[in-house]
């Protein structure tokens, strides 16, 4: 199996995993940078993640146009999220965009989303919040142009996660498995933090702990272990 063929299957599996873990519902999407064409990425056609198969995947140019001029299937309208981040971040090879309900409260309040759980170290010590209204006024909050995508990419900077006010979040990572893991534990950490804040003062991971925990979860063994576990839980038949 070629690297590209294997990666295409993994993107389909990633969609099913994120759906099974409740990170995405009818909406949300995950992409990977093309392994041989750095200015292209692979993303499903417009379809709910739980239903995505390998045949749904489309190869896109960095500006969101299909690499195949004959491609006529509808794509996700928020493709600029992916293209703009790949354009700005050569180190990023996978992106997850989702609307996790546990994450939203931290995108609309002054309470920061910080890691309290060791396996959530990959979300980073400080997570920025991007507000589309700051640069583009009143919109439907969707990122539909490269200008908006580049503005979001600038807010993301060199970190792994950015929250999107009233919308959701974006996760960027060096590998697909790491992007999926970070997106899942971002949601887990957000839910735990919401509960912890009700009880009183919260002890967060220190910057050093975040760095060490992030390095640990990025190692091949934990990445393969979590991927195997989540794949077994997901419905990946027929992908």
Foldseek 3Di string as FASTA:
>chain_A
DDPQVVVLLVLLLLLQLCCLLPQADQDKWKKFQRPVDLQKIKTFANGRSNPDGSVRIFIAGLQGHGPDPPDDGHHDLQSLLVSLLSVVDVQFGMKIWGAQPLCQVCLADVDFQAAADLLLLLQDGGEAHDELCVPPNDDPQGRRGNVSNNSVNVRCPPGAKYAYHPGGIMGTHNDHLLSSSNSSVSSVRSNVVVVVVVVPDGDGDDNVSSVVSSVVCPDPVNSVVVSVVSSVSGDSPPD
